[in-house]
Amino acid sequence: MKKTANRSRNLLHNHPMLRKGGVHDKSNKAKRRKEKQNLRKVWFSLSAYCVLRENHPAGT
């Protein structure tokens, strides 16, 4: 039987903290904030449209 050389092991290889890696997605907070920004953008564009219409009292 052939004897292998004694090599030092990488002790961090199976460390539980290293299993947390993966795809880097946006956080839930960032997703909520982006959705709020988009909603506000749509809301203001619609409200500006309503104010600028001809038959609206504020538009004249």
PDB file of N, CA and C in Angstrom:
ATOM      1  N   MET A   1       0.846  -1.176   0.000  1.00  0.00           N
ATOM      2  CA  MET A   1       0.000   0.000   0.000  1.00  0.00           C
ATOM      3  C   MET A   1       0.888   1.235   0.000  1.00  0.00           C
ATOM      4  N   LYS A   2       0.515   2.179  -0.836  1.00  0.00           N
ATOM      5  CA  LYS A   2       1.278   3.401  -0.977  1.00  0.00           C
ATOM      6  C   LYS A   2       0.915   4.374   0.146  1.00  0.00           C
ATOM      7  N   LYS A   3       1.914   4.995   0.741  1.00  0.00           N
ATOM      8  CA  LYS A   3       1.675   5.936   1.829  1.00  0.00           C
ATOM      9  C   LYS A   3       1.635   7.356   1.252  1.00  0.00           C
ATOM     10  N   THR A   4       0.582   8.123   1.583  1.00  0.00           N
ATOM     11  CA  THR A   4       0.450   9.491   1.077  1.00  0.00           C
ATOM     12  C   THR A   4       1.128  10.459   2.030  1.00  0.00           C
ATOM     13  N   ALA A   5       1.521  11.581   1.519  1.00  0.00           N
ATOM     14  CA  ALA A   5       2.181  12.595   2.336  1.00  0.00           C
ATOM     15  C   ALA A   5       1.150  13.231   3.268  1.00  0.00           C
ATOM     16  N   ASN A   6       1.595  13.591   4.450  1.00  0.00           N
ATOM     17  CA  ASN A   6       0.720  14.248   5.417  1.00  0.00           C
ATOM     18  C   ASN A   6       0.592  15.725   5.053  1.00  0.00           C
ATOM     19  N   ARG A   7      -0.555  16.098   4.521  1.00  0.00           N
ATOM     20  CA  ARG A   7      -0.789  17.493   4.188  1.00  0.00           C
ATOM     21  C   ARG A   7      -1.708  18.103   5.232  1.00  0.00           C
ATOM     22  N   SER A   8      -1.526  19.404   5.480  1.00  0.00           N
ATOM     23  CA  SER A   8      -2.416  20.058   6.437  1.00  0.00           C
ATOM     24  C   SER A   8      -3.781  20.275   5.777  1.00  0.00           C
ATOM     25  N   ARG A   9      -4.825  20.109   6.544  1.00  0.00           N
ATOM     26  CA  ARG A   9      -6.180  20.262   6.042  1.00  0.00           C
ATOM     27  C   ARG A   9      -6.602  21.721   6.097  1.00  0.00           C
ATOM     28  N   ASN A  10      -7.477  22.087   5.203  1.00  0.00           N
ATOM     29  CA  ASN A  10      -8.082  23.409   5.254  1.00  0.00           C
ATOM     30  C   ASN A  10      -9.272  23.325   6.208  1.00  0.00           C
ATOM     31  N   LEU A  11      -9.113  23.862   7.412  1.00  0.00           N
ATOM     32  CA  LEU A  11     -10.144  23.724   8.440  1.00  0.00           C
ATOM     33  C   LEU A  11     -11.394  24.552   8.137  1.00  0.00           C
ATOM     34  N   LEU A  12     -11.274  25.528   7.252  1.00  0.00           N
ATOM     35  CA  LEU A  12     -12.438  26.351   6.907  1.00  0.00           C
ATOM     36  C   LEU A  12     -13.245  25.764   5.771  1.00  0.00           C
ATOM     37  N   HIS A  13     -12.826  24.662   5.217  1.00  0.00           N
ATOM     38  CA  HIS A  13     -13.473  24.094   4.045  1.00  0.00           C
ATOM     39  C   HIS A  13     -14.956  23.819   4.268  1.00  0.00           C
ATOM     40  N   ASN A  14     -15.317  23.208   5.369  1.00  0.00           N
ATOM     41  CA  ASN A  14     -16.718  22.877   5.636  1.00  0.00           C
ATOM     42  C   ASN A  14     -17.305  23.726   6.753  1.00  0.00           C
ATOM     43  N   HIS A  15     -16.781  24.914   6.932  1.00  0.00           N
ATOM     44  CA  HIS A  15     -17.271  25.778   8.001  1.00  0.00           C
ATOM     45  C   HIS A  15     -18.699  26.233   7.676  1.00  0.00           C
ATOM     46  N   PRO A  16     -19.621  26.211   8.659  1.00  0.00           N
ATOM     47  CA  PRO A  16     -21.032  26.559   8.401  1.00  0.00           C
ATOM     48  C   PRO A  16     -21.232  27.980   7.871  1.00  0.00           C
ATOM     49  N   MET A  17     -20.385  28.913   8.291  1.00  0.00           N
ATOM     50  CA  MET A  17     -20.546  30.292   7.831  1.00  0.00           C
ATOM     51  C   MET A  17     -20.226  30.432   6.341  1.00  0.00           C
ATOM     52  N   LEU A  18     -19.413  29.551   5.808  1.00  0.00           N
ATOM     53  CA  LEU A  18     -19.041  29.644   4.398  1.00  0.00           C
ATOM     54  C   LEU A  18     -20.116  29.061   3.492  1.00  0.00           C
ATOM     55  N   ARG A  19     -21.104  28.388   4.052  1.00  0.00           N
ATOM     56  CA  ARG A  19     -22.194  27.831   3.237  1.00  0.00           C
ATOM     57  C   ARG A  19     -23.240  28.877   2.895  1.00  0.00           C
ATOM     58  N   LYS A  20     -23.108  30.074   3.461  1.00  0.00           N
ATOM     59  CA  LYS A  20     -24.115  31.108   3.249  1.00  0.00           C
ATOM     60  C   LYS A  20     -23.929  31.842   1.930  1.00  0.00           C
ATOM     61  N   GLY A  21     -22.854  31.566   1.235  1.00  0.00           N
ATOM     62  CA  GLY A  21     -22.593  32.257  -0.022  1.00  0.00           C
ATOM     63  C   GLY A  21     -23.592  31.855  -1.087  1.00  0.00           C
ATOM     64  N   GLY A  22     -23.683  32.634  -2.115  1.00  0.00           N
ATOM     65  CA  GLY A  22     -24.601  32.317  -3.203  1.00  0.00           C
ATOM     66  C   GLY A  22     -24.810  33.536  -4.075  1.00  0.00           C
ATOM     67  N   VAL A  23     -25.936  33.568  -4.740  1.00  0.00           N
ATOM     68  CA  VAL A  23     -26.265  34.664  -5.637  1.00  0.00           C
ATOM     69  C   VAL A  23     -26.485  35.921  -4.807  1.00  0.00           C
ATOM     70  N   HIS A  24     -25.921  37.025  -5.244  1.00  0.00           N
ATOM     71  CA  HIS A  24     -26.075  38.294  -4.536  1.00  0.00           C
ATOM     72  C   HIS A  24     -27.306  38.999  -5.068  1.00  0.00           C
ATOM     73  N   ASP A  25     -28.399  38.948  -4.321  1.00  0.00           N
ATOM     74  CA  ASP A  25     -29.649  39.603  -4.698  1.00  0.00           C
ATOM     75  C   ASP A  25     -29.792  40.898  -3.923  1.00  0.00           C
ATOM     76  N   LYS A  26     -30.734  41.704  -4.356  1.00  0.00           N
ATOM     77  CA  LYS A  26     -31.069  42.909  -3.612  1.00  0.00           C
ATOM     78  C   LYS A  26     -31.748  42.484  -2.309  1.00  0.00           C
ATOM     79  N   SER A  27     -31.534  43.261  -1.256  1.00  0.00           N
ATOM     80  CA  SER A  27     -32.185  42.957   0.008  1.00  0.00           C
ATOM     81  C   SER A  27     -33.676  43.281  -0.110  1.00  0.00           C
ATOM     82  N   ASN A  28     -34.460  42.736   0.804  1.00  0.00           N
ATOM     83  CA  ASN A  28     -35.902  43.000   0.785  1.00  0.00           C
ATOM     84  C   ASN A  28     -36.184  44.484   0.999  1.00  0.00           C
ATOM     85  N   LYS A  29     -35.366  45.134   1.831  1.00  0.00           N
ATOM     86  CA  LYS A  29     -35.541  46.563   2.076  1.00  0.00           C
ATOM     87  C   LYS A  29     -35.321  47.359   0.793  1.00  0.00           C
ATOM     88  N   ALA A  30     -34.302  46.989   0.030  1.00  0.00           N
ATOM     89  CA  ALA A  30     -34.024  47.682  -1.226  1.00  0.00           C
ATOM     90  C   ALA A  30     -35.152  47.458  -2.230  1.00  0.00           C
ATOM     91  N   LYS A  31     -35.706  46.245  -2.246  1.00  0.00           N
ATOM     92  CA  LYS A  31     -36.817  45.953  -3.157  1.00  0.00           C
ATOM     93  C   LYS A  31     -38.055  46.777  -2.793  1.00  0.00           C
ATOM     94  N   ARG A  32     -38.358  46.863  -1.489  1.00  0.00           N
ATOM     95  CA  ARG A  32     -39.515  47.651  -1.046  1.00  0.00           C
ATOM     96  C   ARG A  32     -39.326  49.124  -1.394  1.00  0.00           C
ATOM     97  N   ARG A  33     -38.121  49.626  -1.167  1.00  0.00           N
ATOM     98  CA  ARG A  33     -37.844  51.041  -1.447  1.00  0.00           C
ATOM     99  C   ARG A  33     -37.993  51.342  -2.935  1.00  0.00           C
ATOM    100  N   LYS A  34     -37.489  50.463  -3.765  1.00  0.00           N
ATOM    101  CA  LYS A  34     -37.596  50.651  -5.219  1.00  0.00           C
ATOM    102  C   LYS A  34     -39.064  50.649  -5.645  1.00  0.00           C
ATOM    103  N   GLU A  35     -39.858  49.745  -5.065  1.00  0.00           N
ATOM    104  CA  GLU A  35     -41.287  49.677  -5.389  1.00  0.00           C
ATOM    105  C   GLU A  35     -42.007  50.959  -4.961  1.00  0.00           C
ATOM    106  N   LYS A  36     -41.647  51.486  -3.786  1.00  0.00           N
ATOM    107  CA  LYS A  36     -42.234  52.747  -3.325  1.00  0.00           C
ATOM    108  C   LYS A  36     -41.872  53.892  -4.261  1.00  0.00           C
ATOM    109  N   GLN A  37     -40.612  53.929  -4.711  1.00  0.00           N
ATOM    110  CA  GLN A  37     -40.181  54.982  -5.627  1.00  0.00           C
ATOM    111  C   GLN A  37     -40.946  54.904  -6.938  1.00  0.00           C
ATOM    112  N   ASN A  38     -41.118  53.695  -7.456  1.00  0.00           N
ATOM    113  CA  ASN A  38     -41.856  53.531  -8.712  1.00  0.00           C
ATOM    114  C   ASN A  38     -43.317  53.942  -8.549  1.00  0.00           C
ATOM    115  N   LEU A  39     -43.928  53.559  -7.422  1.00  0.00           N
ATOM    116  CA  LEU A  39     -45.321  53.919  -7.168  1.00  0.00           C
ATOM    117  C   LEU A  39     -45.472  55.431  -7.073  1.00  0.00           C
ATOM    118  N   ARG A  40     -44.541  56.070  -6.380  1.00  0.00           N
ATOM    119  CA  ARG A  40     -44.597  57.528  -6.240  1.00  0.00           C
ATOM    120  C   ARG A  40     -44.416  58.218  -7.595  1.00  0.00           C
ATOM    121  N   LYS A  41     -43.524  57.662  -8.417  1.00  0.00           N
ATOM    122  CA  LYS A  41     -43.291  58.228  -9.749  1.00  0.00           C
ATOM    123  C   LYS A  41     -44.567  58.155 -10.586  1.00  0.00           C
ATOM    124  N   VAL A  42     -45.248  57.012 -10.553  1.00  0.00           N
ATOM    125  CA  VAL A  42     -46.499  56.839 -11.303  1.00  0.00           C
ATOM    126  C   VAL A  42     -47.574  57.764 -10.743  1.00  0.00           C
ATOM    127  N   TRP A  43     -47.655  57.852  -9.421  1.00  0.00           N
ATOM    128  CA  TRP A  43     -48.675  58.669  -8.781  1.00  0.00           C
ATOM    129  C   TRP A  43     -48.524  60.139  -9.176  1.00  0.00           C
ATOM    130  N   PHE A  44     -47.295  60.644  -9.131  1.00  0.00           N
ATOM    131  CA  PHE A  44     -47.089  62.053  -9.469  1.00  0.00           C
ATOM    132  C   PHE A  44     -47.317  62.312 -10.946  1.00  0.00           C
ATOM    133  N   SER A  45     -46.968  61.368 -11.795  1.00  0.00           N
ATOM    134  CA  SER A  45     -47.216  61.578 -13.223  1.00  0.00           C
ATOM    135  C   SER A  45     -48.717  61.590 -13.502  1.00  0.00           C
ATOM    136  N   LEU A  46     -49.486  60.751 -12.808  1.00  0.00           N
ATOM    137  CA  LEU A  46     -50.941  60.743 -12.999  1.00  0.00           C
ATOM    138  C   LEU A  46     -51.579  62.003 -12.423  1.00  0.00           C
ATOM    139  N   SER A  47     -51.102  62.458 -11.264  1.00  0.00           N
ATOM    140  CA  SER A  47     -51.693  63.659 -10.665  1.00  0.00           C
ATOM    141  C   SER A  47     -51.364  64.879 -11.501  1.00  0.00           C
ATOM    142  N   ALA A  48     -50.176  64.934 -12.090  1.00  0.00           N
ATOM    143  CA  ALA A  48     -49.824  66.054 -12.966  1.00  0.00           C
ATOM    144  C   ALA A  48     -50.707  66.034 -14.209  1.00  0.00           C
ATOM    145  N   TYR A  49     -51.015  64.850 -14.718  1.00  0.00           N
ATOM    146  CA  TYR A  49     -51.886  64.727 -15.882  1.00  0.00           C
ATOM    147  C   TYR A  49     -53.280  65.242 -15.547  1.00  0.00           C
ATOM    148  N   CYS A  50     -53.779  64.904 -14.361  1.00  0.00           N
ATOM    149  CA  CYS A  50     -55.131  65.333 -13.974  1.00  0.00           C
ATOM    150  C   CYS A  50     -55.203  66.848 -13.811  1.00  0.00           C
ATOM    151  N   VAL A  51     -54.169  67.464 -13.285  1.00  0.00           N
ATOM    152  CA  VAL A  51     -54.170  68.904 -13.077  1.00  0.00           C
ATOM    153  C   VAL A  51     -54.067  69.636 -14.398  1.00  0.00           C
ATOM    154  N   LEU A  52     -53.358  69.099 -15.356  1.00  0.00           N
ATOM    155  CA  LEU A  52     -53.108  69.785 -16.604  1.00  0.00           C
ATOM    156  C   LEU A  52     -54.188  69.556 -17.669  1.00  0.00           C
ATOM    157  N   ARG A  53     -55.168  68.737 -17.362  1.00  0.00           N
ATOM    158  CA  ARG A  53     -56.253  68.518 -18.330  1.00  0.00           C
ATOM    159  C   ARG A  53     -57.034  69.804 -18.544  1.00  0.00           C
ATOM    160  N   GLU A  54     -57.656  69.949 -19.721  1.00  0.00           N
ATOM    161  CA  GLU A  54     -58.356  71.188 -20.056  1.00  0.00           C
ATOM    162  C   GLU A  54     -59.600  71.411 -19.204  1.00  0.00           C
ATOM    163  N   ASN A  55     -60.361  70.347 -18.955  1.00  0.00           N
ATOM    164  CA  ASN A  55     -61.630  70.533 -18.249  1.00  0.00           C
ATOM    165  C   ASN A  55     -61.463  70.572 -16.730  1.00  0.00           C
ATOM    166  N   HIS A  56     -60.258  70.476 -16.221  1.00  0.00           N
ATOM    167  CA  HIS A  56     -60.021  70.547 -14.778  1.00  0.00           C
ATOM    168  C   HIS A  56     -59.908  72.015 -14.377  1.00  0.00           C
ATOM    169  N   PRO A  57     -60.562  72.433 -13.297  1.00  0.00           N
ATOM    170  CA  PRO A  57     -60.532  73.855 -12.901  1.00  0.00           C
ATOM    171  C   PRO A  57     -59.122  74.383 -12.661  1.00  0.00           C
ATOM    172  N   ALA A  58     -58.230  73.563 -12.158  1.00  0.00           N
ATOM    173  CA  ALA A  58     -56.875  74.035 -11.870  1.00  0.00           C
ATOM    174  C   ALA A  58     -56.037  74.116 -13.148  1.00  0.00           C
ATOM    175  N   GLY A  59     -56.497  73.515 -14.233  1.00  0.00           N
ATOM    176  CA  GLY A  59     -55.742  73.511 -15.465  1.00  0.00           C
ATOM    177  C   GLY A  59     -55.925  74.758 -16.310  1.00  0.00           C
ATOM    178  N   THR A  60     -56.858  75.618 -15.942  1.00  0.00           N
ATOM    179  CA  THR A  60     -57.109  76.813 -16.750  1.00  0.00           C
ATOM    180  C   THR A  60     -56.495  78.032 -16.143  1.00  0.00           C
TER     181      THR A  60
END
